[in-house]
Amino acid sequence: METEDKAKKQRRPRRNFSDDFKAGAVALVLKEGKTVAQVSEDLDLTASCVGQWVEQARANAGKSTRGTLTTDEKEELAKLRKEVRELRLEREILKKATVFFAKENA
């Protein structure tokens, strides 16, 4: 009995899917009217995975009701967060340099 439980709990290795594959799965839901559960079962995927792809496609088309960011907005947000991290680091370096030179000149 324990070996059966362990077999069920083992995770499947993470899989990567092409953009074409994702678009095909999304099309099955949005264009052919299949449910997320049907598509996920047919393609051996998790329902949450297919649901995320569908929601992202809706957001990119401007039809999301959840307020999901579009792909472009997500890319811009990541770029801006990186820039903020860099600016904070630069500011910290400048603060330390100011303290160092203030002590040296005193």
PDB file of N, CA and C in Angstrom:
ATOM      1  N   MET A   1       0.833  -1.203   0.000  1.00  0.00           N
ATOM      2  CA  MET A   1       0.000   0.000   0.000  1.00  0.00           C
ATOM      3  C   MET A   1       0.870   1.256   0.000  1.00  0.00           C
ATOM      4  N   GLU A   2       1.953   1.251   0.788  1.00  0.00           N
ATOM      5  CA  GLU A   2       2.809   2.429   0.851  1.00  0.00           C
ATOM      6  C   GLU A   2       3.487   2.712  -0.479  1.00  0.00           C
ATOM      7  N   THR A   3       3.883   1.672  -1.193  1.00  0.00           N
ATOM      8  CA  THR A   3       4.541   1.886  -2.482  1.00  0.00           C
ATOM      9  C   THR A   3       3.589   2.518  -3.484  1.00  0.00           C
ATOM     10  N   GLU A   4       2.301   2.193  -3.392  1.00  0.00           N
ATOM     11  CA  GLU A   4       1.314   2.814  -4.269  1.00  0.00           C
ATOM     12  C   GLU A   4       1.188   4.305  -3.965  1.00  0.00           C
ATOM     13  N   ASP A   5       1.200   4.656  -2.668  1.00  0.00           N
ATOM     14  CA  ASP A   5       1.104   6.061  -2.279  1.00  0.00           C
ATOM     15  C   ASP A   5       2.327   6.842  -2.761  1.00  0.00           C
ATOM     16  N   LYS A   6       3.496   6.236  -2.639  1.00  0.00           N
ATOM     17  CA  LYS A   6       4.711   6.911  -3.083  1.00  0.00           C
ATOM     18  C   LYS A   6       4.700   7.100  -4.591  1.00  0.00           C
ATOM     19  N   ALA A   7       4.212   6.099  -5.295  1.00  0.00           N
ATOM     20  CA  ALA A   7       4.148   6.206  -6.755  1.00  0.00           C
ATOM     21  C   ALA A   7       3.216   7.332  -7.181  1.00  0.00           C
ATOM     22  N   LYS A   8       2.139   7.518  -6.459  1.00  0.00           N
ATOM     23  CA  LYS A   8       1.191   8.584  -6.777  1.00  0.00           C
ATOM     24  C   LYS A   8       1.783   9.953  -6.463  1.00  0.00           C
ATOM     25  N   LYS A   9       2.615  10.045  -5.426  1.00  0.00           N
ATOM     26  CA  LYS A   9       3.151  11.326  -4.974  1.00  0.00           C
ATOM     27  C   LYS A   9       4.356  11.780  -5.795  1.00  0.00           C
ATOM     28  N   GLN A  10       4.989  10.865  -6.536  1.00  0.00           N
ATOM     29  CA  GLN A  10       6.143  11.258  -7.321  1.00  0.00           C
ATOM     30  C   GLN A  10       5.718  12.233  -8.406  1.00  0.00           C
ATOM     31  N   ARG A  11       6.499  13.273  -8.519  1.00  0.00           N
ATOM     32  CA  ARG A  11       6.185  14.298  -9.507  1.00  0.00           C
ATOM     33  C   ARG A  11       6.740  13.922 -10.864  1.00  0.00           C
ATOM     34  N   ARG A  12       6.017  14.322 -11.848  1.00  0.00           N
ATOM     35  CA  ARG A  12       6.462  14.134 -13.218  1.00  0.00           C
ATOM     36  C   ARG A  12       7.531  15.197 -13.492  1.00  0.00           C
ATOM     37  N   PRO A  13       8.559  14.877 -14.258  1.00  0.00           N
ATOM     38  CA  PRO A  13       9.567  15.898 -14.563  1.00  0.00           C
ATOM     39  C   PRO A  13       8.937  17.072 -15.318  1.00  0.00           C
ATOM     40  N   ARG A  14       9.468  18.248 -15.072  1.00  0.00           N
ATOM     41  CA  ARG A  14       8.943  19.453 -15.708  1.00  0.00           C
ATOM     42  C   ARG A  14       9.113  19.346 -17.222  1.00  0.00           C
ATOM     43  N   ARG A  15       8.046  19.663 -17.925  1.00  0.00           N
ATOM     44  CA  ARG A  15       8.074  19.586 -19.379  1.00  0.00           C
ATOM     45  C   ARG A  15       7.967  20.980 -19.973  1.00  0.00           C
ATOM     46  N   ASN A  16       8.570  21.166 -21.118  1.00  0.00           N
ATOM     47  CA  ASN A  16       8.485  22.434 -21.839  1.00  0.00           C
ATOM     48  C   ASN A  16       7.693  22.214 -23.116  1.00  0.00           C
ATOM     49  N   PHE A  17       6.870  23.186 -23.448  1.00  0.00           N
ATOM     50  CA  PHE A  17       6.028  23.078 -24.622  1.00  0.00           C
ATOM     51  C   PHE A  17       6.285  24.251 -25.549  1.00  0.00           C
ATOM     52  N   SER A  18       6.235  23.981 -26.834  1.00  0.00           N
ATOM     53  CA  SER A  18       6.454  25.047 -27.821  1.00  0.00           C
ATOM     54  C   SER A  18       5.256  25.995 -27.822  1.00  0.00           C
ATOM     55  N   ASP A  19       5.492  27.175 -28.361  1.00  0.00           N
ATOM     56  CA  ASP A  19       4.406  28.154 -28.470  1.00  0.00           C
ATOM     57  C   ASP A  19       3.295  27.628 -29.373  1.00  0.00           C
ATOM     58  N   ASP A  20       3.669  26.885 -30.405  1.00  0.00           N
ATOM     59  CA  ASP A  20       2.663  26.316 -31.317  1.00  0.00           C
ATOM     60  C   ASP A  20       1.776  25.301 -30.593  1.00  0.00           C
ATOM     61  N   PHE A  21       2.388  24.478 -29.745  1.00  0.00           N
ATOM     62  CA  PHE A  21       1.621  23.489 -28.997  1.00  0.00           C
ATOM     63  C   PHE A  21       0.630  24.188 -28.062  1.00  0.00           C
ATOM     64  N   LYS A  22       1.120  25.227 -27.367  1.00  0.00           N
ATOM     65  CA  LYS A  22       0.251  25.975 -26.451  1.00  0.00           C
ATOM     66  C   LYS A  22      -0.898  26.635 -27.216  1.00  0.00           C
ATOM     67  N   ALA A  23      -0.563  27.223 -28.365  1.00  0.00           N
ATOM     68  CA  ALA A  23      -1.595  27.884 -29.176  1.00  0.00           C
ATOM     69  C   ALA A  23      -2.638  26.868 -29.645  1.00  0.00           C
ATOM     70  N   GLY A  24      -2.197  25.668 -29.980  1.00  0.00           N
ATOM     71  CA  GLY A  24      -3.137  24.631 -30.397  1.00  0.00           C
ATOM     72  C   GLY A  24      -4.068  24.225 -29.277  1.00  0.00           C
ATOM     73  N   ALA A  25      -3.516  24.086 -28.073  1.00  0.00           N
ATOM     74  CA  ALA A  25      -4.344  23.731 -26.918  1.00  0.00           C
ATOM     75  C   ALA A  25      -5.352  24.839 -26.616  1.00  0.00           C
ATOM     76  N   VAL A  26      -4.899  26.077 -26.690  1.00  0.00           N
ATOM     77  CA  VAL A  26      -5.782  27.227 -26.439  1.00  0.00           C
ATOM     78  C   VAL A  26      -6.880  27.284 -27.499  1.00  0.00           C
ATOM     79  N   ALA A  27      -6.526  27.002 -28.742  1.00  0.00           N
ATOM     80  CA  ALA A  27      -7.517  27.031 -29.823  1.00  0.00           C
ATOM     81  C   ALA A  27      -8.603  25.982 -29.604  1.00  0.00           C
ATOM     82  N   LEU A  28      -8.219  24.829 -29.063  1.00  0.00           N
ATOM     83  CA  LEU A  28      -9.220  23.802 -28.779  1.00  0.00           C
ATOM     84  C   LEU A  28     -10.268  24.313 -27.793  1.00  0.00           C
ATOM     85  N   VAL A  29      -9.823  25.125 -26.836  1.00  0.00           N
ATOM     86  CA  VAL A  29     -10.750  25.664 -25.832  1.00  0.00           C
ATOM     87  C   VAL A  29     -11.541  26.836 -26.405  1.00  0.00           C
ATOM     88  N   LEU A  30     -10.843  27.792 -26.985  1.00  0.00           N
ATOM     89  CA  LEU A  30     -11.504  29.035 -27.394  1.00  0.00           C
ATOM     90  C   LEU A  30     -12.265  28.926 -28.714  1.00  0.00           C
ATOM     91  N   LYS A  31     -11.746  28.150 -29.661  1.00  0.00           N
ATOM     92  CA  LYS A  31     -12.372  28.100 -30.981  1.00  0.00           C
ATOM     93  C   LYS A  31     -13.263  26.887 -31.178  1.00  0.00           C
ATOM     94  N   GLU A  32     -12.882  25.771 -30.575  1.00  0.00           N
ATOM     95  CA  GLU A  32     -13.675  24.561 -30.770  1.00  0.00           C
ATOM     96  C   GLU A  32     -14.652  24.305 -29.628  1.00  0.00           C
ATOM     97  N   GLY A  33     -14.563  25.106 -28.582  1.00  0.00           N
ATOM     98  CA  GLY A  33     -15.533  25.015 -27.503  1.00  0.00           C
ATOM     99  C   GLY A  33     -15.331  23.875 -26.524  1.00  0.00           C
ATOM    100  N   LYS A  34     -14.184  23.230 -26.566  1.00  0.00           N
ATOM    101  CA  LYS A  34     -13.929  22.175 -25.587  1.00  0.00           C
ATOM    102  C   LYS A  34     -13.641  22.810 -24.231  1.00  0.00           C
ATOM    103  N   THR A  35     -13.861  22.058 -23.180  1.00  0.00           N
ATOM    104  CA  THR A  35     -13.560  22.580 -21.848  1.00  0.00           C
ATOM    105  C   THR A  35     -12.073  22.416 -21.565  1.00  0.00           C
ATOM    106  N   VAL A  36     -11.603  23.192 -20.610  1.00  0.00           N
ATOM    107  CA  VAL A  36     -10.204  23.090 -20.192  1.00  0.00           C
ATOM    108  C   VAL A  36      -9.919  21.672 -19.700  1.00  0.00           C
ATOM    109  N   ALA A  37     -10.856  21.093 -18.973  1.00  0.00           N
ATOM    110  CA  ALA A  37     -10.674  19.731 -18.448  1.00  0.00           C
ATOM    111  C   ALA A  37     -10.544  18.716 -19.575  1.00  0.00           C
ATOM    112  N   GLN A  38     -11.373  18.851 -20.617  1.00  0.00           N
ATOM    113  CA  GLN A  38     -11.306  17.925 -21.751  1.00  0.00           C
ATOM    114  C   GLN A  38      -9.954  18.025 -22.464  1.00  0.00           C
ATOM    115  N   VAL A  39      -9.537  19.240 -22.723  1.00  0.00           N
ATOM    116  CA  VAL A  39      -8.271  19.452 -23.432  1.00  0.00           C
ATOM    117  C   VAL A  39      -7.106  18.947 -22.604  1.00  0.00           C
ATOM    118  N   SER A  40      -7.125  19.239 -21.314  1.00  0.00           N
ATOM    119  CA  SER A  40      -6.012  18.799 -20.470  1.00  0.00           C
ATOM    120  C   SER A  40      -5.942  17.279 -20.406  1.00  0.00           C
ATOM    121  N   GLU A  41      -7.081  16.634 -20.360  1.00  0.00           N
ATOM    122  CA  GLU A  41      -7.097  15.170 -20.330  1.00  0.00           C
ATOM    123  C   GLU A  41      -6.636  14.592 -21.668  1.00  0.00           C
ATOM    124  N   ASP A  42      -7.118  15.161 -22.765  1.00  0.00           N
ATOM    125  CA  ASP A  42      -6.744  14.675 -24.096  1.00  0.00           C
ATOM    126  C   ASP A  42      -5.241  14.829 -24.360  1.00  0.00           C
ATOM    127  N   LEU A  43      -4.652  15.896 -23.851  1.00  0.00           N
ATOM    128  CA  LEU A  43      -3.236  16.178 -24.121  1.00  0.00           C
ATOM    129  C   LEU A  43      -2.318  15.757 -22.978  1.00  0.00           C
ATOM    130  N   ASP A  44      -2.872  15.104 -21.961  1.00  0.00           N
ATOM    131  CA  ASP A  44      -2.098  14.660 -20.794  1.00  0.00           C
ATOM    132  C   ASP A  44      -1.387  15.824 -20.115  1.00  0.00           C
ATOM    133  N   LEU A  45      -2.172  16.864 -19.838  1.00  0.00           N
ATOM    134  CA  LEU A  45      -1.675  18.052 -19.145  1.00  0.00           C
ATOM    135  C   LEU A  45      -2.514  18.278 -17.897  1.00  0.00           C
ATOM    136  N   THR A  46      -2.051  19.169 -17.043  1.00  0.00           N
ATOM    137  CA  THR A  46      -2.872  19.536 -15.895  1.00  0.00           C
ATOM    138  C   THR A  46      -3.867  20.611 -16.327  1.00  0.00           C
ATOM    139  N   ALA A  47      -5.001  20.617 -15.696  1.00  0.00           N
ATOM    140  CA  ALA A  47      -6.025  21.610 -16.029  1.00  0.00           C
ATOM    141  C   ALA A  47      -5.539  23.024 -15.709  1.00  0.00           C
ATOM    142  N   SER A  48      -4.760  23.154 -14.652  1.00  0.00           N
ATOM    143  CA  SER A  48      -4.273  24.491 -14.289  1.00  0.00           C
ATOM    144  C   SER A  48      -3.328  25.035 -15.355  1.00  0.00           C
ATOM    145  N   CYS A  49      -2.545  24.161 -15.945  1.00  0.00           N
ATOM    146  CA  CYS A  49      -1.614  24.573 -16.998  1.00  0.00           C
ATOM    147  C   CYS A  49      -2.385  25.089 -18.212  1.00  0.00           C
ATOM    148  N   VAL A  50      -3.319  24.326 -18.676  1.00  0.00           N
ATOM    149  CA  VAL A  50      -4.128  24.729 -19.834  1.00  0.00           C
ATOM    150  C   VAL A  50      -4.929  25.983 -19.492  1.00  0.00           C
ATOM    151  N   GLY A  51      -5.461  26.051 -18.290  1.00  0.00           N
ATOM    152  CA  GLY A  51      -6.219  27.226 -17.864  1.00  0.00           C
ATOM    153  C   GLY A  51      -5.383  28.492 -17.882  1.00  0.00           C
ATOM    154  N   GLN A  52      -4.125  28.385 -17.474  1.00  0.00           N
ATOM    155  CA  GLN A  52      -3.236  29.549 -17.505  1.00  0.00           C
ATOM    156  C   GLN A  52      -2.966  29.990 -18.934  1.00  0.00           C
ATOM    157  N   TRP A  53      -2.753  29.018 -19.818  1.00  0.00           N
ATOM    158  CA  TRP A  53      -2.523  29.364 -21.219  1.00  0.00           C
ATOM    159  C   TRP A  53      -3.736  30.065 -21.808  1.00  0.00           C
ATOM    160  N   VAL A  54      -4.921  29.568 -21.499  1.00  0.00           N
ATOM    161  CA  VAL A  54      -6.152  30.159 -22.020  1.00  0.00           C
ATOM    162  C   VAL A  54      -6.329  31.572 -21.465  1.00  0.00           C
ATOM    163  N   GLU A  55      -6.107  31.746 -20.189  1.00  0.00           N
ATOM    164  CA  GLU A  55      -6.255  33.070 -19.571  1.00  0.00           C
ATOM    165  C   GLU A  55      -5.263  34.058 -20.168  1.00  0.00           C
ATOM    166  N   GLN A  56      -4.026  33.618 -20.402  1.00  0.00           N
ATOM    167  CA  GLN A  56      -3.031  34.501 -21.002  1.00  0.00           C
ATOM    168  C   GLN A  56      -3.429  34.885 -22.420  1.00  0.00           C
ATOM    169  N   ALA A  57      -3.976  33.946 -23.167  1.00  0.00           N
ATOM    170  CA  ALA A  57      -4.437  34.237 -24.527  1.00  0.00           C
ATOM    171  C   ALA A  57      -5.579  35.251 -24.504  1.00  0.00           C
ATOM    172  N   ARG A  58      -6.479  35.094 -23.554  1.00  0.00           N
ATOM    173  CA  ARG A  58      -7.578  36.061 -23.419  1.00  0.00           C
ATOM    174  C   ARG A  58      -7.050  37.446 -23.066  1.00  0.00           C
ATOM    175  N   ALA A  59      -6.070  37.504 -22.169  1.00  0.00           N
ATOM    176  CA  ALA A  59      -5.486  38.791 -21.776  1.00  0.00           C
ATOM    177  C   ALA A  59      -4.813  39.452 -22.973  1.00  0.00           C
ATOM    178  N   ASN A  60      -4.074  38.671 -23.747  1.00  0.00           N
ATOM    179  CA  ASN A  60      -3.393  39.232 -24.918  1.00  0.00           C
ATOM    180  C   ASN A  60      -4.385  39.740 -25.956  1.00  0.00           C
ATOM    181  N   ALA A  61      -5.574  39.141 -25.981  1.00  0.00           N
ATOM    182  CA  ALA A  61      -6.619  39.580 -26.917  1.00  0.00           C
ATOM    183  C   ALA A  61      -7.472  40.705 -26.331  1.00  0.00           C
ATOM    184  N   GLY A  62      -7.192  41.095 -25.097  1.00  0.00           N
ATOM    185  CA  GLY A  62      -7.960  42.158 -24.452  1.00  0.00           C
ATOM    186  C   GLY A  62      -9.310  41.702 -23.941  1.00  0.00           C
ATOM    187  N   LYS A  63      -9.468  40.398 -23.712  1.00  0.00           N
ATOM    188  CA  LYS A  63     -10.759  39.861 -23.287  1.00  0.00           C
ATOM    189  C   LYS A  63     -10.728  39.233 -21.897  1.00  0.00           C
ATOM    190  N   SER A  64      -9.677  39.497 -21.132  1.00  0.00           N
ATOM    191  CA  SER A  64      -9.570  38.912 -19.801  1.00  0.00           C
ATOM    192  C   SER A  64     -10.501  39.624 -18.829  1.00  0.00           C
ATOM    193  N   THR A  65     -11.176  38.853 -18.018  1.00  0.00           N
ATOM    194  CA  THR A  65     -12.037  39.438 -16.993  1.00  0.00           C
ATOM    195  C   THR A  65     -11.351  39.440 -15.637  1.00  0.00           C
ATOM    196  N   ARG A  66     -10.167  38.858 -15.574  1.00  0.00           N
ATOM    197  CA  ARG A  66      -9.438  38.757 -14.301  1.00  0.00           C
ATOM    198  C   ARG A  66      -8.400  39.851 -14.109  1.00  0.00           C
ATOM    199  N   GLY A  67      -8.180  40.664 -15.100  1.00  0.00           N
ATOM    200  CA  GLY A  67      -7.154  41.692 -14.979  1.00  0.00           C
ATOM    201  C   GLY A  67      -5.757  41.152 -15.203  1.00  0.00           C
ATOM    202  N   THR A  68      -5.642  40.050 -15.895  1.00  0.00           N
ATOM    203  CA  THR A  68      -4.348  39.454 -16.189  1.00  0.00           C
ATOM    204  C   THR A  68      -3.552  40.373 -17.102  1.00  0.00           C
ATOM    205  N   LEU A  69      -2.265  40.523 -16.827  1.00  0.00           N
ATOM    206  CA  LEU A  69      -1.409  41.353 -17.658  1.00  0.00           C
ATOM    207  C   LEU A  69      -1.153  40.671 -18.992  1.00  0.00           C
ATOM    208  N   THR A  70      -1.040  41.480 -20.034  1.00  0.00           N
ATOM    209  CA  THR A  70      -0.684  40.914 -21.331  1.00  0.00           C
ATOM    210  C   THR A  70       0.784  40.512 -21.311  1.00  0.00           C
ATOM    211  N   THR A  71       1.198  39.767 -22.308  1.00  0.00           N
ATOM    212  CA  THR A  71       2.597  39.342 -22.399  1.00  0.00           C
ATOM    213  C   THR A  71       3.515  40.556 -22.491  1.00  0.00           C
ATOM    214  N   ASP A  72       3.122  41.552 -23.273  1.00  0.00           N
ATOM    215  CA  ASP A  72       3.929  42.771 -23.386  1.00  0.00           C
ATOM    216  C   ASP A  72       4.042  43.496 -22.045  1.00  0.00           C
ATOM    217  N   GLU A  73       2.941  43.565 -21.322  1.00  0.00           N
ATOM    218  CA  GLU A  73       2.959  44.217 -20.008  1.00  0.00           C
ATOM    219  C   GLU A  73       3.849  43.460 -19.029  1.00  0.00           C
ATOM    220  N   LYS A  74       3.812  42.139 -19.090  1.00  0.00           N
ATOM    221  CA  LYS A  74       4.678  41.339 -18.216  1.00  0.00           C
ATOM    222  C   LYS A  74       6.148  41.570 -18.535  1.00  0.00           C
ATOM    223  N   GLU A  75       6.480  41.646 -19.825  1.00  0.00           N
ATOM    224  CA  GLU A  75       7.861  41.909 -20.223  1.00  0.00           C
ATOM    225  C   GLU A  75       8.311  43.289 -19.754  1.00  0.00           C
ATOM    226  N   GLU A  76       7.439  44.284 -19.912  1.00  0.00           N
ATOM    227  CA  GLU A  76       7.780  45.638 -19.469  1.00  0.00           C
ATOM    228  C   GLU A  76       7.947  45.686 -17.954  1.00  0.00           C
ATOM    229  N   LEU A  77       7.082  45.000 -17.232  1.00  0.00           N
ATOM    230  CA  LEU A  77       7.172  44.967 -15.777  1.00  0.00           C
ATOM    231  C   LEU A  77       8.491  44.332 -15.334  1.00  0.00           C
ATOM    232  N   ALA A  78       8.883  43.245 -15.966  1.00  0.00           N
ATOM    233  CA  ALA A  78      10.154  42.593 -15.625  1.00  0.00           C
ATOM    234  C   ALA A  78      11.326  43.531 -15.905  1.00  0.00           C
ATOM    235  N   LYS A  79      11.267  44.240 -17.036  1.00  0.00           N
ATOM    236  CA  LYS A  79      12.328  45.189 -17.386  1.00  0.00           C
ATOM    237  C   LYS A  79      12.409  46.315 -16.356  1.00  0.00           C
ATOM    238  N   LEU A  80      11.267  46.841 -15.964  1.00  0.00           N
ATOM    239  CA  LEU A  80      11.241  47.930 -14.988  1.00  0.00           C
ATOM    240  C   LEU A  80      11.711  47.471 -13.611  1.00  0.00           C
ATOM    241  N   ARG A  81      11.348  46.262 -13.213  1.00  0.00           N
ATOM    242  CA  ARG A  81      11.819  45.741 -11.928  1.00  0.00           C
ATOM    243  C   ARG A  81      13.330  45.580 -11.924  1.00  0.00           C
ATOM    244  N   LYS A  82      13.886  45.105 -13.032  1.00  0.00           N
ATOM    245  CA  LYS A  82      15.338  44.963 -13.142  1.00  0.00           C
ATOM    246  C   LYS A  82      16.009  46.328 -13.035  1.00  0.00           C
ATOM    247  N   GLU A  83      15.438  47.314 -13.719  1.00  0.00           N
ATOM    248  CA  GLU A  83      15.988  48.664 -13.682  1.00  0.00           C
ATOM    249  C   GLU A  83      15.939  49.235 -12.265  1.00  0.00           C
ATOM    250  N   VAL A  84      14.850  49.002 -11.545  1.00  0.00           N
ATOM    251  CA  VAL A  84      14.729  49.478 -10.168  1.00  0.00           C
ATOM    252  C   VAL A  84      15.805  48.838  -9.286  1.00  0.00           C
ATOM    253  N   ARG A  85      16.016  47.514  -9.459  1.00  0.00           N
ATOM    254  CA  ARG A  85      17.063  46.828  -8.682  1.00  0.00           C
ATOM    255  C   ARG A  85      18.424  47.462  -8.936  1.00  0.00           C
ATOM    256  N   GLU A  86      18.729  47.717 -10.206  1.00  0.00           N
ATOM    257  CA  GLU A  86      20.011  48.311 -10.560  1.00  0.00           C
ATOM    258  C   GLU A  86      20.149  49.717  -9.983  1.00  0.00           C
ATOM    259  N   LEU A  87      19.102  50.509 -10.060  1.00  0.00           N
ATOM    260  CA  LEU A  87      19.155  51.875  -9.525  1.00  0.00           C
ATOM    261  C   LEU A  87      19.323  51.876  -8.008  1.00  0.00           C
ATOM    262  N   ARG A  88      18.652  50.958  -7.321  1.00  0.00           N
ATOM    263  CA  ARG A  88      18.817  50.868  -5.871  1.00  0.00           C
ATOM    264  C   ARG A  88      20.244  50.487  -5.511  1.00  0.00           C
ATOM    265  N   LEU A  89      20.821  49.563  -6.263  1.00  0.00           N
ATOM    266  CA  LEU A  89      22.201  49.162  -6.016  1.00  0.00           C
ATOM    267  C   LEU A  89      23.146  50.337  -6.238  1.00  0.00           C
ATOM    268  N   GLU A  90      22.934  51.061  -7.327  1.00  0.00           N
ATOM    269  CA  GLU A  90      23.758  52.242  -7.601  1.00  0.00           C
ATOM    270  C   GLU A  90      23.622  53.277  -6.495  1.00  0.00           C
ATOM    271  N   ARG A  91      22.406  53.483  -6.005  1.00  0.00           N
ATOM    272  CA  ARG A  91      22.176  54.451  -4.929  1.00  0.00           C
ATOM    273  C   ARG A  91      22.917  54.041  -3.662  1.00  0.00           C
ATOM    274  N   GLU A  92      22.877  52.745  -3.336  1.00  0.00           N
ATOM    275  CA  GLU A  92      23.582  52.258  -2.147  1.00  0.00           C
ATOM    276  C   GLU A  92      25.087  52.461  -2.278  1.00  0.00           C
ATOM    277  N   ILE A  93      25.608  52.221  -3.458  1.00  0.00           N
ATOM    278  CA  ILE A  93      27.046  52.428  -3.690  1.00  0.00           C
ATOM    279  C   ILE A  93      27.392  53.899  -3.518  1.00  0.00           C
ATOM    280  N   LEU A  94      26.564  54.778  -4.056  1.00  0.00           N
ATOM    281  CA  LEU A  94      26.817  56.217  -3.925  1.00  0.00           C
ATOM    282  C   LEU A  94      26.723  56.676  -2.473  1.00  0.00           C
ATOM    283  N   LYS A  95      25.782  56.117  -1.713  1.00  0.00           N
ATOM    284  CA  LYS A  95      25.675  56.463  -0.289  1.00  0.00           C
ATOM    285  C   LYS A  95      26.947  56.076   0.448  1.00  0.00           C
ATOM    286  N   LYS A  96      27.439  54.872   0.191  1.00  0.00           N
ATOM    287  CA  LYS A  96      28.662  54.400   0.858  1.00  0.00           C
ATOM    288  C   LYS A  96      29.863  55.234   0.446  1.00  0.00           C
ATOM    289  N   ALA A  97      29.924  55.616  -0.826  1.00  0.00           N
ATOM    290  CA  ALA A  97      31.030  56.445  -1.297  1.00  0.00           C
ATOM    291  C   ALA A  97      30.985  57.812  -0.632  1.00  0.00           C
ATOM    292  N   THR A  98      29.801  58.374  -0.478  1.00  0.00           N
ATOM    293  CA  THR A  98      29.638  59.675   0.170  1.00  0.00           C
ATOM    294  C   THR A  98      30.109  59.610   1.619  1.00  0.00           C
ATOM    295  N   VAL A  99      29.743  58.573   2.334  1.00  0.00           N
ATOM    296  CA  VAL A  99      30.177  58.409   3.721  1.00  0.00           C
ATOM    297  C   VAL A  99      31.688  58.255   3.786  1.00  0.00           C
ATOM    298  N   PHE A 100      32.248  57.471   2.886  1.00  0.00           N
ATOM    299  CA  PHE A 100      33.680  57.227   2.871  1.00  0.00           C
ATOM    300  C   PHE A 100      34.452  58.535   2.651  1.00  0.00           C
ATOM    301  N   PHE A 101      34.032  59.322   1.643  1.00  0.00           N
ATOM    302  CA  PHE A 101      34.743  60.556   1.344  1.00  0.00           C
ATOM    303  C   PHE A 101      34.475  61.634   2.402  1.00  0.00           C
ATOM    304  N   ALA A 102      33.342  61.607   3.053  1.00  0.00           N
ATOM    305  CA  ALA A 102      33.061  62.565   4.124  1.00  0.00           C
ATOM    306  C   ALA A 102      33.975  62.299   5.296  1.00  0.00           C
ATOM    307  N   LYS A 103      34.213  61.037   5.629  1.00  0.00           N
ATOM    308  CA  LYS A 103      35.121  60.677   6.733  1.00  0.00           C
ATOM    309  C   LYS A 103      36.574  61.038   6.380  1.00  0.00           C
ATOM    310  N   GLU A 104      36.925  60.823   5.126  1.00  0.00           N
ATOM    311  CA  GLU A 104      38.300  61.072   4.694  1.00  0.00           C
ATOM    312  C   GLU A 104      38.630  62.566   4.705  1.00  0.00           C
ATOM    313  N   ASN A 105      37.661  63.395   4.408  1.00  0.00           N
ATOM    314  CA  ASN A 105      37.877  64.845   4.334  1.00  0.00           C
ATOM    315  C   ASN A 105      37.677  65.531   5.687  1.00  0.00           C
ATOM    316  N   ALA A 106      37.193  64.810   6.675  1.00  0.00           N
ATOM    317  CA  ALA A 106      36.931  65.434   7.979  1.00  0.00           C
ATOM    318  C   ALA A 106      38.168  65.526   8.828  1.00  0.00           C
TER     319      ALA A 106
END
